[in-house]
């Protein structure tokens, strides 16, 4: 009989997310110094290439300048208040990103959607394990991060159920530690 440990639980959780349609990414591979980097810094929590690609797919009538402006708007969320950041992102997610552009000398307003709520299959779902974030000289690596369209929307901390010291409270405390140490990861996740 194989021994139950946190790595086995992580592998099972990844497998379950794959069954739900998520693609698995080993996060060290897409880290800034990984084999296939998808972010340029460890404090960058968005996967901008993935987000930009999906924005083009779900907003086909928008030009690249409009989509780039929307991406910058999401990247620009940066208040000292985590709750304010979270509320700002939630508004962009649910109401779309309002972008103003000039066309034929007139200002035009467009709305860029970050998620296709009407056609979920148009979105990209990724489960990444061991996603390292370094912020405020704090180096943290949550067990699983769920990305939709390159945006981290959930952070999952796993515990070994066979370990009598592993409790729901300890997992919650670890998430709270992450929230204070690497708040940038929680701009796009509900806290």
N, C-alpha and C. Protein backbone atom coordinates (compact mmCIF):
# COMPACT_ATOMS: atom_id res chain seq x y z
N UNK A 1 0.84 -1.18 0.00
CA UNK A 1 0.00 0.00 0.00
C UNK A 1 0.89 1.24 0.00
N UNK A 2 0.59 2.19 -0.86
CA UNK A 2 1.40 3.40 -0.91
C UNK A 2 1.04 4.31 0.25
N UNK A 3 2.04 5.06 0.67
CA UNK A 3 1.86 5.95 1.82
C UNK A 3 1.17 7.24 1.36
N UNK A 4 0.16 7.63 2.10
CA UNK A 4 -0.55 8.87 1.80
C UNK A 4 0.29 10.04 2.29
N UNK A 5 0.60 10.96 1.39
CA UNK A 5 1.33 12.16 1.77
C UNK A 5 0.80 13.34 0.97
N UNK A 6 1.31 14.53 1.26
CA UNK A 6 0.79 15.73 0.61
C UNK A 6 1.03 15.72 -0.89
N UNK A 7 2.13 15.14 -1.35
CA UNK A 7 2.39 15.05 -2.80
C UNK A 7 1.35 14.19 -3.49
N UNK A 8 0.96 13.09 -2.85
CA UNK A 8 -0.07 12.22 -3.42
C UNK A 8 -1.42 12.93 -3.47
N UNK A 9 -1.72 13.70 -2.45
CA UNK A 9 -2.97 14.46 -2.42
C UNK A 9 -2.96 15.52 -3.50
N UNK A 10 -1.81 16.17 -3.68
CA UNK A 10 -1.68 17.19 -4.74
C UNK A 10 -1.89 16.55 -6.11
N UNK A 11 -1.29 15.42 -6.33
CA UNK A 11 -1.44 14.72 -7.63
C UNK A 11 -2.90 14.34 -7.86
N UNK A 12 -3.57 13.87 -6.83
CA UNK A 12 -4.99 13.51 -6.96
C UNK A 12 -5.84 14.74 -7.26
N UNK A 13 -5.56 15.84 -6.57
CA UNK A 13 -6.32 17.07 -6.81
C UNK A 13 -6.12 17.55 -8.25
N UNK A 14 -4.90 17.50 -8.74
CA UNK A 14 -4.62 17.89 -10.14
C UNK A 14 -5.40 17.00 -11.09
N UNK A 15 -5.39 15.70 -10.81
CA UNK A 15 -6.11 14.75 -11.66
C UNK A 15 -7.61 15.08 -11.68
N UNK A 16 -8.17 15.42 -10.53
CA UNK A 16 -9.60 15.76 -10.45
C UNK A 16 -9.89 17.03 -11.26
N UNK A 17 -9.01 18.03 -11.17
CA UNK A 17 -9.21 19.25 -11.96
C UNK A 17 -9.08 18.96 -13.46
N UNK A 18 -8.16 18.08 -13.82
CA UNK A 18 -8.04 17.69 -15.23
C UNK A 18 -9.32 17.03 -15.73
N UNK A 19 -9.96 16.23 -14.89
CA UNK A 19 -11.23 15.60 -15.26
C UNK A 19 -12.34 16.64 -15.45
N UNK A 20 -12.19 17.78 -14.80
CA UNK A 20 -13.15 18.88 -14.96
C UNK A 20 -12.84 19.76 -16.17
N UNK A 21 -11.75 19.47 -16.88
CA UNK A 21 -11.40 20.22 -18.07
C UNK A 21 -10.25 21.20 -17.92
N UNK A 22 -9.61 21.21 -16.78
CA UNK A 22 -8.44 22.06 -16.57
C UNK A 22 -7.22 21.42 -17.20
N UNK A 23 -6.32 22.24 -17.70
CA UNK A 23 -5.00 21.77 -18.14
C UNK A 23 -4.06 21.93 -16.96
N UNK A 24 -3.14 20.99 -16.81
CA UNK A 24 -2.18 21.07 -15.71
C UNK A 24 -0.88 21.71 -16.18
N UNK A 25 -0.36 22.60 -15.36
CA UNK A 25 0.94 23.22 -15.61
C UNK A 25 1.75 23.12 -14.32
N UNK A 26 2.95 22.58 -14.44
CA UNK A 26 3.88 22.58 -13.31
C UNK A 26 4.48 23.98 -13.26
N UNK A 27 4.11 24.76 -12.25
CA UNK A 27 4.42 26.19 -12.20
C UNK A 27 5.91 26.53 -12.31
N UNK A 28 6.83 25.76 -11.75
CA UNK A 28 8.24 26.10 -11.95
C UNK A 28 8.65 26.15 -13.43
N UNK A 29 7.97 25.40 -14.29
CA UNK A 29 8.28 25.45 -15.72
C UNK A 29 7.93 26.79 -16.36
N UNK A 30 6.89 27.47 -15.83
CA UNK A 30 6.47 28.75 -16.42
C UNK A 30 6.94 29.95 -15.61
N UNK A 31 7.77 29.70 -14.60
CA UNK A 31 8.34 30.77 -13.78
C UNK A 31 9.30 31.60 -14.62
N UNK A 32 9.65 32.80 -14.14
CA UNK A 32 10.56 33.66 -14.91
C UNK A 32 11.86 32.98 -15.32
N UNK A 33 12.37 32.07 -14.49
CA UNK A 33 13.61 31.37 -14.83
C UNK A 33 13.35 29.90 -15.20
N UNK A 34 12.11 29.59 -15.56
CA UNK A 34 11.73 28.23 -15.92
C UNK A 34 12.04 27.89 -17.37
N UNK A 35 11.71 26.68 -17.74
CA UNK A 35 11.96 26.20 -19.11
C UNK A 35 11.10 26.91 -20.14
N UNK A 36 9.86 27.29 -19.76
CA UNK A 36 8.92 27.98 -20.66
C UNK A 36 8.30 29.16 -19.93
N UNK A 37 9.06 30.20 -19.66
CA UNK A 37 8.55 31.30 -18.82
C UNK A 37 7.30 31.96 -19.42
N UNK A 38 6.33 32.20 -18.54
CA UNK A 38 5.11 32.89 -18.94
C UNK A 38 4.90 34.18 -18.15
N UNK A 39 5.85 34.50 -17.32
CA UNK A 39 5.83 35.77 -16.59
C UNK A 39 7.27 36.23 -16.44
N UNK A 40 7.45 37.53 -16.30
CA UNK A 40 8.81 38.08 -16.31
C UNK A 40 9.38 38.29 -14.91
N UNK A 41 8.52 38.30 -13.91
CA UNK A 41 8.96 38.53 -12.53
C UNK A 41 8.18 37.61 -11.59
N UNK A 42 8.74 37.31 -10.47
CA UNK A 42 8.06 36.45 -9.50
C UNK A 42 6.92 37.16 -8.78
N UNK A 43 6.88 38.49 -8.82
CA UNK A 43 5.74 39.19 -8.21
C UNK A 43 4.60 39.37 -9.22
N UNK A 44 4.79 38.97 -10.44
CA UNK A 44 3.75 39.02 -11.47
C UNK A 44 2.91 37.75 -11.34
N UNK A 45 1.61 37.93 -11.07
CA UNK A 45 0.76 36.76 -10.84
C UNK A 45 -0.13 36.44 -12.03
N UNK A 46 -0.35 37.39 -12.90
CA UNK A 46 -1.09 37.13 -14.13
C UNK A 46 -0.20 36.40 -15.12
N UNK A 47 -0.80 35.62 -15.98
CA UNK A 47 -0.09 35.01 -17.10
C UNK A 47 -0.52 35.81 -18.32
N UNK A 48 0.18 36.93 -18.61
CA UNK A 48 -0.31 37.89 -19.60
C UNK A 48 -0.45 37.34 -21.01
N UNK A 49 0.42 36.45 -21.41
CA UNK A 49 0.31 35.88 -22.75
C UNK A 49 -0.97 35.08 -22.91
N UNK A 50 -1.30 34.30 -21.89
CA UNK A 50 -2.54 33.52 -21.94
C UNK A 50 -3.76 34.44 -21.94
N UNK A 51 -3.72 35.47 -21.08
CA UNK A 51 -4.85 36.40 -21.01
C UNK A 51 -5.03 37.12 -22.34
N UNK A 52 -3.96 37.60 -22.92
CA UNK A 52 -4.05 38.31 -24.19
C UNK A 52 -4.61 37.41 -25.30
N UNK A 53 -4.15 36.17 -25.34
CA UNK A 53 -4.63 35.24 -26.36
C UNK A 53 -6.13 34.99 -26.22
N UNK A 54 -6.60 34.79 -24.99
CA UNK A 54 -8.02 34.53 -24.78
C UNK A 54 -8.84 35.79 -25.03
N UNK A 55 -8.31 36.95 -24.66
CA UNK A 55 -9.04 38.20 -24.92
C UNK A 55 -9.31 38.35 -26.41
N UNK A 56 -8.35 38.00 -27.25
CA UNK A 56 -8.55 38.07 -28.70
C UNK A 56 -9.64 37.11 -29.15
N UNK A 57 -9.68 35.94 -28.53
CA UNK A 57 -10.67 34.94 -28.93
C UNK A 57 -12.09 35.32 -28.50
N UNK A 58 -12.24 35.85 -27.28
CA UNK A 58 -13.60 36.13 -26.79
C UNK A 58 -14.07 37.55 -27.09
N UNK A 59 -13.19 38.39 -27.62
CA UNK A 59 -13.54 39.75 -28.03
C UNK A 59 -13.08 39.95 -29.47
N UNK A 60 -13.59 39.16 -30.43
CA UNK A 60 -13.03 39.15 -31.78
C UNK A 60 -13.18 40.47 -32.54
N UNK A 61 -14.12 41.31 -32.16
CA UNK A 61 -14.31 42.56 -32.90
C UNK A 61 -13.41 43.68 -32.39
N UNK A 62 -12.65 43.43 -31.34
CA UNK A 62 -11.79 44.46 -30.75
C UNK A 62 -10.40 44.42 -31.38
N UNK A 63 -9.85 45.58 -31.62
CA UNK A 63 -8.50 45.69 -32.14
C UNK A 63 -7.47 45.40 -31.07
N UNK A 64 -6.25 45.16 -31.50
CA UNK A 64 -5.19 44.79 -30.56
C UNK A 64 -4.88 45.92 -29.58
N UNK A 65 -5.01 47.18 -30.01
CA UNK A 65 -4.75 48.31 -29.10
C UNK A 65 -5.78 48.33 -27.96
N UNK A 66 -7.03 48.05 -28.27
CA UNK A 66 -8.08 48.02 -27.26
C UNK A 66 -7.83 46.88 -26.28
N UNK A 67 -7.49 45.71 -26.81
CA UNK A 67 -7.22 44.55 -25.95
C UNK A 67 -6.00 44.78 -25.08
N UNK A 68 -4.99 45.42 -25.64
CA UNK A 68 -3.78 45.73 -24.86
C UNK A 68 -4.10 46.71 -23.75
N UNK A 69 -4.96 47.70 -24.03
CA UNK A 69 -5.37 48.67 -23.01
C UNK A 69 -6.14 47.96 -21.89
N UNK A 70 -6.98 47.01 -22.23
CA UNK A 70 -7.73 46.26 -21.23
C UNK A 70 -6.78 45.44 -20.36
N UNK A 71 -5.81 44.79 -20.98
CA UNK A 71 -4.82 44.01 -20.24
C UNK A 71 -4.05 44.91 -19.27
N UNK A 72 -3.65 46.07 -19.72
CA UNK A 72 -2.93 47.03 -18.86
C UNK A 72 -3.80 47.46 -17.69
N UNK A 73 -5.10 47.61 -17.94
CA UNK A 73 -6.03 48.00 -16.87
C UNK A 73 -6.06 46.95 -15.77
N UNK A 74 -6.06 45.69 -16.16
CA UNK A 74 -6.06 44.61 -15.17
C UNK A 74 -4.72 44.59 -14.43
N UNK A 75 -3.63 44.76 -15.15
CA UNK A 75 -2.30 44.75 -14.53
C UNK A 75 -2.08 45.94 -13.61
N UNK A 76 -2.80 47.02 -13.85
CA UNK A 76 -2.60 48.28 -13.14
C UNK A 76 -3.26 48.30 -11.76
N UNK A 77 -4.09 47.35 -11.43
CA UNK A 77 -4.77 47.35 -10.14
C UNK A 77 -3.71 47.24 -9.04
N UNK A 78 -3.59 48.29 -8.25
CA UNK A 78 -2.55 48.28 -7.23
C UNK A 78 -2.83 49.34 -6.17
N UNK A 79 -3.69 49.01 -5.25
CA UNK A 79 -3.99 49.87 -4.12
C UNK A 79 -3.31 49.26 -2.90
N UNK A 80 -2.99 50.06 -1.90
CA UNK A 80 -2.44 49.46 -0.68
C UNK A 80 -3.47 48.62 0.08
N UNK A 81 -4.74 48.78 -0.28
CA UNK A 81 -5.81 48.04 0.37
C UNK A 81 -6.18 46.80 -0.46
N UNK A 82 -5.98 45.63 0.08
CA UNK A 82 -6.26 44.39 -0.63
C UNK A 82 -7.74 44.30 -1.01
N UNK A 83 -8.62 44.68 -0.10
CA UNK A 83 -10.05 44.60 -0.39
C UNK A 83 -10.42 45.52 -1.55
N UNK A 84 -9.83 46.71 -1.60
CA UNK A 84 -10.10 47.64 -2.71
C UNK A 84 -9.63 47.03 -4.04
N UNK A 85 -8.47 46.41 -4.03
CA UNK A 85 -7.97 45.73 -5.24
C UNK A 85 -8.93 44.63 -5.67
N UNK A 86 -9.37 43.86 -4.70
CA UNK A 86 -10.26 42.75 -4.98
C UNK A 86 -11.59 43.24 -5.55
N UNK A 87 -12.13 44.31 -5.00
CA UNK A 87 -13.38 44.87 -5.50
C UNK A 87 -13.22 45.44 -6.91
N UNK A 88 -12.10 46.10 -7.16
CA UNK A 88 -11.83 46.65 -8.49
C UNK A 88 -11.76 45.53 -9.52
N UNK A 89 -11.02 44.47 -9.19
CA UNK A 89 -10.92 43.35 -10.12
C UNK A 89 -12.28 42.70 -10.34
N UNK A 90 -13.04 42.52 -9.28
CA UNK A 90 -14.36 41.90 -9.40
C UNK A 90 -15.25 42.69 -10.35
N UNK A 91 -15.18 44.00 -10.26
CA UNK A 91 -15.97 44.86 -11.16
C UNK A 91 -15.51 44.67 -12.61
N UNK A 92 -14.22 44.63 -12.85
CA UNK A 92 -13.71 44.40 -14.21
C UNK A 92 -14.14 43.03 -14.73
N UNK A 93 -14.12 42.05 -13.85
CA UNK A 93 -14.47 40.69 -14.23
C UNK A 93 -15.96 40.57 -14.58
N UNK A 94 -16.81 41.20 -13.79
CA UNK A 94 -18.25 41.03 -13.97
C UNK A 94 -18.89 42.05 -14.91
N UNK A 95 -18.30 43.25 -15.02
CA UNK A 95 -18.88 44.31 -15.85
C UNK A 95 -18.09 44.56 -17.13
N UNK A 96 -16.93 43.93 -17.25
CA UNK A 96 -16.06 44.15 -18.40
C UNK A 96 -15.13 45.33 -18.15
N UNK A 97 -14.08 45.40 -18.94
CA UNK A 97 -13.11 46.49 -18.84
C UNK A 97 -13.51 47.57 -19.83
N UNK A 98 -13.80 48.74 -19.32
CA UNK A 98 -14.20 49.86 -20.17
C UNK A 98 -12.94 50.54 -20.71
N UNK A 99 -12.84 50.60 -22.03
CA UNK A 99 -11.66 51.16 -22.69
C UNK A 99 -12.12 52.26 -23.64
N UNK A 100 -11.47 53.42 -23.55
CA UNK A 100 -11.76 54.52 -24.48
C UNK A 100 -10.68 54.57 -25.54
N UNK A 101 -11.10 54.73 -26.79
CA UNK A 101 -10.16 54.83 -27.90
C UNK A 101 -10.58 55.98 -28.81
N UNK A 102 -9.65 56.42 -29.64
CA UNK A 102 -9.94 57.45 -30.64
C UNK A 102 -10.15 56.77 -31.98
N UNK A 103 -11.27 57.12 -32.64
CA UNK A 103 -11.54 56.58 -33.97
C UNK A 103 -12.09 57.70 -34.82
N UNK A 104 -11.37 58.01 -35.88
CA UNK A 104 -11.76 59.11 -36.80
C UNK A 104 -11.95 60.42 -36.04
N UNK A 105 -11.08 60.67 -35.08
CA UNK A 105 -11.13 61.92 -34.32
C UNK A 105 -12.18 61.94 -33.23
N UNK A 106 -12.93 60.88 -33.06
CA UNK A 106 -13.95 60.81 -32.02
C UNK A 106 -13.55 59.78 -30.97
N UNK A 107 -13.95 60.08 -29.73
CA UNK A 107 -13.68 59.12 -28.67
C UNK A 107 -14.77 58.05 -28.68
N UNK A 108 -14.32 56.83 -28.56
CA UNK A 108 -15.24 55.70 -28.60
C UNK A 108 -14.99 54.83 -27.37
N UNK A 109 -16.05 54.37 -26.77
CA UNK A 109 -15.94 53.50 -25.60
C UNK A 109 -16.25 52.06 -25.97
N UNK A 110 -15.41 51.16 -25.53
CA UNK A 110 -15.60 49.74 -25.77
C UNK A 110 -15.56 49.00 -24.43
N UNK A 111 -16.16 47.83 -24.41
CA UNK A 111 -16.09 46.96 -23.24
C UNK A 111 -15.41 45.67 -23.67
N UNK A 112 -14.35 45.34 -22.95
CA UNK A 112 -13.60 44.11 -23.21
C UNK A 112 -13.93 43.14 -22.08
N UNK A 113 -14.36 41.94 -22.46
CA UNK A 113 -14.71 40.92 -21.47
C UNK A 113 -13.49 40.07 -21.17
N UNK A 114 -13.26 39.81 -19.87
CA UNK A 114 -12.14 38.98 -19.42
C UNK A 114 -12.48 37.50 -19.43
N UNK A 115 -13.77 37.19 -19.28
CA UNK A 115 -14.26 35.82 -19.28
C UNK A 115 -15.50 35.77 -20.15
N UNK A 116 -15.63 34.72 -20.93
CA UNK A 116 -16.84 34.51 -21.71
C UNK A 116 -17.80 33.69 -20.86
N UNK A 117 -18.73 34.40 -20.21
CA UNK A 117 -19.69 33.74 -19.33
C UNK A 117 -20.75 32.99 -20.12
N UNK A 118 -21.04 33.42 -21.34
CA UNK A 118 -22.06 32.77 -22.16
C UNK A 118 -21.57 31.47 -22.80
N UNK A 119 -20.28 31.41 -23.10
CA UNK A 119 -19.69 30.24 -23.76
C UNK A 119 -18.45 29.81 -22.98
N UNK A 120 -18.64 29.09 -21.88
CA UNK A 120 -17.50 28.73 -21.02
C UNK A 120 -16.38 28.00 -21.75
N UNK A 121 -16.70 27.27 -22.81
CA UNK A 121 -15.67 26.55 -23.55
C UNK A 121 -14.68 27.46 -24.26
N UNK A 122 -14.99 28.73 -24.39
CA UNK A 122 -14.08 29.70 -24.99
C UNK A 122 -12.97 30.10 -24.03
N UNK A 123 -13.16 29.82 -22.75
CA UNK A 123 -12.19 30.20 -21.73
C UNK A 123 -11.11 29.13 -21.58
N UNK A 124 -10.02 29.51 -20.96
CA UNK A 124 -8.91 28.58 -20.71
C UNK A 124 -8.81 28.34 -19.20
N UNK A 125 -8.84 27.09 -18.80
CA UNK A 125 -8.79 26.69 -17.40
C UNK A 125 -7.47 25.96 -17.14
N UNK A 126 -6.71 26.45 -16.16
CA UNK A 126 -5.40 25.87 -15.84
C UNK A 126 -5.29 25.67 -14.34
N UNK A 127 -4.80 24.51 -13.94
CA UNK A 127 -4.42 24.27 -12.55
C UNK A 127 -2.89 24.21 -12.53
N UNK A 128 -2.29 25.07 -11.72
CA UNK A 128 -0.82 25.12 -11.61
C UNK A 128 -0.44 24.73 -10.19
N UNK A 129 0.51 23.83 -10.09
CA UNK A 129 0.99 23.46 -8.76
C UNK A 129 2.36 24.07 -8.51
N UNK A 130 2.56 24.42 -7.24
CA UNK A 130 3.83 24.99 -6.77
C UNK A 130 4.14 26.33 -7.46
N UNK A 131 3.18 27.23 -7.46
CA UNK A 131 3.29 28.55 -8.10
C UNK A 131 3.97 29.52 -7.14
N UNK A 132 5.24 29.79 -7.37
CA UNK A 132 6.02 30.65 -6.48
C UNK A 132 5.73 32.12 -6.75
N UNK A 133 5.49 32.85 -5.66
CA UNK A 133 5.32 34.30 -5.71
C UNK A 133 6.30 34.89 -4.71
N UNK A 134 7.06 35.89 -5.16
CA UNK A 134 7.98 36.61 -4.27
C UNK A 134 7.53 38.06 -4.25
N UNK A 135 7.14 38.50 -3.09
CA UNK A 135 6.64 39.87 -2.92
C UNK A 135 7.05 40.35 -1.54
N UNK A 136 7.45 41.60 -1.43
CA UNK A 136 7.87 42.17 -0.14
C UNK A 136 8.92 41.29 0.55
N UNK A 137 9.87 40.79 -0.23
CA UNK A 137 10.92 39.90 0.27
C UNK A 137 10.38 38.62 0.89
N UNK A 138 9.17 38.25 0.56
CA UNK A 138 8.56 37.02 1.04
C UNK A 138 8.43 36.06 -0.13
N UNK A 139 8.92 34.85 0.04
CA UNK A 139 8.87 33.83 -0.98
C UNK A 139 7.86 32.77 -0.53
N UNK A 140 6.74 32.67 -1.25
CA UNK A 140 5.69 31.71 -0.89
C UNK A 140 5.31 30.88 -2.11
N UNK A 141 4.88 29.65 -1.85
CA UNK A 141 4.54 28.74 -2.93
C UNK A 141 3.27 27.97 -2.55
N UNK A 142 2.10 28.52 -2.88
CA UNK A 142 0.86 27.78 -2.63
C UNK A 142 0.85 26.46 -3.39
N UNK A 143 0.11 25.49 -2.86
CA UNK A 143 0.06 24.16 -3.47
C UNK A 143 -0.55 24.22 -4.86
N UNK A 144 -1.75 24.79 -4.98
CA UNK A 144 -2.43 24.87 -6.27
C UNK A 144 -2.98 26.28 -6.47
N UNK A 145 -2.88 26.75 -7.70
CA UNK A 145 -3.52 28.00 -8.09
C UNK A 145 -4.34 27.68 -9.34
N UNK A 146 -5.60 28.08 -9.31
CA UNK A 146 -6.48 27.89 -10.46
C UNK A 146 -6.53 29.17 -11.26
N UNK A 147 -6.22 29.05 -12.55
CA UNK A 147 -6.23 30.18 -13.46
C UNK A 147 -7.38 30.03 -14.44
N UNK A 148 -8.07 31.10 -14.68
CA UNK A 148 -9.01 31.16 -15.79
C UNK A 148 -8.54 32.30 -16.67
N UNK A 149 -8.25 31.97 -17.91
CA UNK A 149 -7.76 32.95 -18.90
C UNK A 149 -6.50 33.67 -18.42
N UNK A 150 -5.64 32.97 -17.72
CA UNK A 150 -4.37 33.54 -17.27
C UNK A 150 -4.47 34.38 -16.01
N UNK A 151 -5.66 34.40 -15.40
CA UNK A 151 -5.86 35.16 -14.16
C UNK A 151 -6.03 34.19 -13.01
N UNK A 152 -5.24 34.34 -11.93
CA UNK A 152 -5.39 33.43 -10.80
C UNK A 152 -6.69 33.75 -10.03
N UNK A 153 -7.62 32.81 -10.02
CA UNK A 153 -8.91 33.07 -9.38
C UNK A 153 -9.13 32.27 -8.10
N UNK A 154 -8.28 31.29 -7.82
CA UNK A 154 -8.41 30.52 -6.58
C UNK A 154 -7.04 30.01 -6.15
N UNK A 155 -6.82 30.02 -4.84
CA UNK A 155 -5.60 29.50 -4.24
C UNK A 155 -6.03 28.37 -3.32
N UNK A 156 -5.40 27.22 -3.48
CA UNK A 156 -5.77 26.04 -2.70
C UNK A 156 -4.55 25.55 -1.92
N UNK A 157 -4.74 25.38 -0.63
CA UNK A 157 -3.69 24.84 0.22
C UNK A 157 -4.12 23.45 0.65
N UNK A 158 -3.31 22.46 0.35
CA UNK A 158 -3.63 21.07 0.66
C UNK A 158 -2.92 20.64 1.95
N UNK A 159 -3.56 19.74 2.65
CA UNK A 159 -2.97 19.15 3.85
C UNK A 159 -3.13 17.64 3.78
N UNK A 160 -2.23 16.95 4.39
CA UNK A 160 -2.25 15.49 4.42
C UNK A 160 -3.28 15.03 5.45
N UNK A 161 -4.33 14.40 4.99
CA UNK A 161 -5.39 13.95 5.89
C UNK A 161 -4.91 12.89 6.87
N UNK A 162 -3.82 12.20 6.55
CA UNK A 162 -3.28 11.17 7.44
C UNK A 162 -2.43 11.78 8.55
N UNK A 163 -2.09 13.05 8.45
CA UNK A 163 -1.28 13.72 9.46
C UNK A 163 -2.20 14.33 10.51
N UNK A 164 -2.09 13.86 11.75
CA UNK A 164 -2.99 14.34 12.80
C UNK A 164 -2.80 15.82 13.11
N UNK A 165 -1.66 16.40 12.74
CA UNK A 165 -1.43 17.82 12.96
C UNK A 165 -1.95 18.70 11.83
N UNK A 166 -2.33 18.07 10.73
CA UNK A 166 -2.86 18.82 9.58
C UNK A 166 -4.36 19.01 9.78
N UNK A 167 -4.75 20.26 9.95
CA UNK A 167 -6.16 20.55 10.21
C UNK A 167 -6.66 21.60 9.22
N UNK A 168 -7.95 21.72 9.17
CA UNK A 168 -8.56 22.78 8.37
C UNK A 168 -8.07 24.14 8.85
N UNK A 169 -7.94 24.28 10.16
CA UNK A 169 -7.46 25.53 10.75
C UNK A 169 -6.03 25.84 10.27
N UNK A 170 -5.17 24.83 10.21
CA UNK A 170 -3.79 25.08 9.78
C UNK A 170 -3.75 25.48 8.30
N UNK A 171 -4.60 24.87 7.48
CA UNK A 171 -4.67 25.26 6.07
C UNK A 171 -5.17 26.70 5.94
N UNK A 172 -6.19 27.04 6.71
CA UNK A 172 -6.72 28.41 6.71
C UNK A 172 -5.65 29.41 7.15
N UNK A 173 -4.92 29.06 8.19
CA UNK A 173 -3.85 29.95 8.68
C UNK A 173 -2.78 30.15 7.61
N UNK A 174 -2.48 29.11 6.87
CA UNK A 174 -1.47 29.23 5.81
C UNK A 174 -1.97 30.16 4.71
N UNK A 175 -3.25 30.05 4.33
CA UNK A 175 -3.82 30.97 3.33
C UNK A 175 -3.77 32.40 3.86
N UNK A 176 -4.08 32.61 5.14
CA UNK A 176 -4.00 33.96 5.73
C UNK A 176 -2.57 34.49 5.69
N UNK A 177 -1.61 33.61 5.94
CA UNK A 177 -0.19 34.02 5.85
C UNK A 177 0.13 34.45 4.43
N UNK A 178 -0.32 33.68 3.44
CA UNK A 178 -0.10 34.04 2.05
C UNK A 178 -0.73 35.40 1.74
N UNK A 179 -1.94 35.60 2.22
CA UNK A 179 -2.68 36.84 1.94
C UNK A 179 -1.90 38.07 2.42
N UNK A 180 -1.24 37.94 3.56
CA UNK A 180 -0.47 39.07 4.09
C UNK A 180 0.92 39.17 3.48
N UNK A 181 1.53 38.04 3.17
CA UNK A 181 2.90 38.04 2.65
C UNK A 181 2.95 38.34 1.16
N UNK A 182 1.99 37.82 0.39
CA UNK A 182 1.99 38.00 -1.06
C UNK A 182 0.59 38.48 -1.51
N UNK A 183 0.21 39.69 -1.09
CA UNK A 183 -1.15 40.16 -1.38
C UNK A 183 -1.46 40.29 -2.86
N UNK A 184 -0.46 40.43 -3.69
CA UNK A 184 -0.70 40.55 -5.14
C UNK A 184 -1.43 39.35 -5.71
N UNK A 185 -1.20 38.16 -5.15
CA UNK A 185 -1.88 36.97 -5.61
C UNK A 185 -3.37 37.01 -5.27
N UNK A 186 -3.74 37.81 -4.28
CA UNK A 186 -5.12 37.86 -3.83
C UNK A 186 -5.89 39.05 -4.40
N UNK A 187 -5.29 39.79 -5.30
CA UNK A 187 -6.02 40.86 -6.00
C UNK A 187 -7.15 40.26 -6.82
N UNK A 188 -6.89 39.12 -7.43
CA UNK A 188 -7.86 38.50 -8.33
C UNK A 188 -8.62 37.35 -7.70
N UNK A 189 -8.33 37.02 -6.45
CA UNK A 189 -9.05 35.96 -5.76
C UNK A 189 -9.82 36.57 -4.61
N UNK A 190 -10.96 36.03 -4.31
CA UNK A 190 -11.76 36.54 -3.19
C UNK A 190 -11.04 36.22 -1.90
N UNK A 191 -10.99 37.20 -1.03
CA UNK A 191 -10.29 36.99 0.24
C UNK A 191 -11.21 37.21 1.41
